[in-house]
Amino acid sequence: MQAQVKVLCVEKDNIEKGIVDFISEHGIKKLVMGAAACRHYSRGMTEVKSKKAMYVCEQAPPFCQIWFICKGDHIYTSLL
């Protein structure tokens, strides 16, 4: 599958708030991010476990659909 990808870097004190702000400021409509912060959580994972990922999922603007992955497997997609 072909995808247009752009890598951008931002420096913030609060990572999860920085991601949410970045989504809003740049009008990001689709985002793929990790669902677990540690290997311990990744076995048989079926839902988002990372506190940062949960915050982004809850606080992201409704126009942004987020796909959460863990070890290359799709775990969860936020609702629009």
Protein backbone atom coordinates (compact mmCIF):
# COMPACT_ATOMS: atom_id res chain seq x y z
CA MET A 1 0.00 0.00 0.00
CA GLN A 2 1.31 3.46 -0.88
CA ALA A 3 1.19 6.13 1.81
CA GLN A 4 2.38 9.71 1.93
CA VAL A 5 4.45 10.14 5.07
CA LYS A 6 5.95 13.21 6.66
CA VAL A 7 8.19 13.12 9.72
CA LEU A 8 8.07 16.20 11.96
CA CYS A 9 9.74 16.79 15.33
CA VAL A 10 8.39 18.82 18.24
CA GLU A 11 9.88 19.54 21.64
CA LYS A 12 7.47 19.81 24.60
CA ASP A 13 7.66 19.14 28.33
CA ASN A 14 4.46 17.06 28.24
CA ILE A 15 4.60 14.45 25.46
CA GLU A 16 0.93 13.56 25.27
CA LYS A 17 -0.21 17.20 25.33
CA GLY A 18 2.41 17.98 22.69
CA ILE A 19 0.97 15.29 20.40
CA VAL A 20 -2.59 16.60 20.87
CA ASP A 21 -1.48 20.20 20.26
CA PHE A 22 0.47 19.10 17.18
CA ILE A 23 -2.61 17.33 15.76
CA SER A 24 -4.67 20.49 16.22
CA GLU A 25 -2.05 22.93 14.91
CA HIS A 26 -1.32 20.94 11.75
CA GLY A 27 -4.83 19.58 11.06
CA ILE A 28 -3.61 15.98 11.13
CA LYS A 29 -6.47 13.73 10.05
CA LYS A 30 -4.77 10.34 10.33
CA LEU A 31 -2.15 9.27 12.86
CA VAL A 32 -0.50 5.93 13.67
CA MET A 33 1.05 5.57 17.12
CA GLY A 34 2.20 2.90 19.55
CA ALA A 35 -0.28 1.47 22.03
CA ALA A 36 2.15 0.27 24.73
CA ALA A 37 5.17 1.84 26.34
CA CYS A 38 6.77 -1.37 27.54
CA ARG A 39 7.29 -4.93 26.26
CA HIS A 40 5.49 -6.28 29.35
CA TYR A 41 2.17 -4.93 28.01
CA SER A 42 2.61 -6.07 24.44
CA ARG A 43 1.83 -9.80 24.78
CA GLY A 44 -1.63 -10.57 23.43
CA MET A 45 -2.55 -6.92 23.65
CA THR A 46 -6.09 -6.09 22.52
CA GLU A 47 -6.50 -2.55 23.86
CA VAL A 48 -4.51 0.63 24.44
CA LYS A 49 -2.44 0.38 27.64
CA SER A 50 -0.07 3.34 27.50
CA LYS A 51 -1.21 6.34 29.57
CA LYS A 52 0.12 8.67 26.88
CA ALA A 53 -1.75 6.79 24.14
CA MET A 54 -4.96 6.82 26.20
CA TYR A 55 -4.63 10.58 26.79
CA VAL A 56 -4.09 11.25 23.08
CA CYS A 57 -7.08 9.05 22.20
CA GLU A 58 -9.33 10.90 24.67
CA GLN A 59 -8.10 14.45 23.96
CA ALA A 60 -7.40 14.45 20.21
CA PRO A 61 -9.73 16.56 18.06
CA PRO A 62 -12.62 14.58 16.56
CA PHE A 63 -11.35 15.14 12.98
CA CYS A 64 -8.28 12.96 13.66
CA GLN A 65 -8.54 9.20 13.36
CA ILE A 66 -5.80 7.38 15.28
CA TRP A 67 -4.61 3.83 14.66
CA PHE A 68 -2.83 2.27 17.62
CA ILE A 69 -0.32 -0.48 16.94
CA CYS A 70 1.82 -2.81 19.00
CA LYS A 71 4.70 -4.81 17.51
CA GLY A 72 3.30 -4.17 14.03
CA ASP A 73 -0.21 -5.40 14.89
CA HIS A 74 -3.25 -3.14 14.78
CA ILE A 75 -4.76 -2.91 18.29
CA TYR A 76 -7.39 -0.17 18.22
CA THR A 77 -8.75 2.64 16.03
CA SER A 78 -10.23 5.78 17.54
CA LEU A 79 -13.73 6.71 16.43
CA LEU A 80 -14.41 9.78 14.33
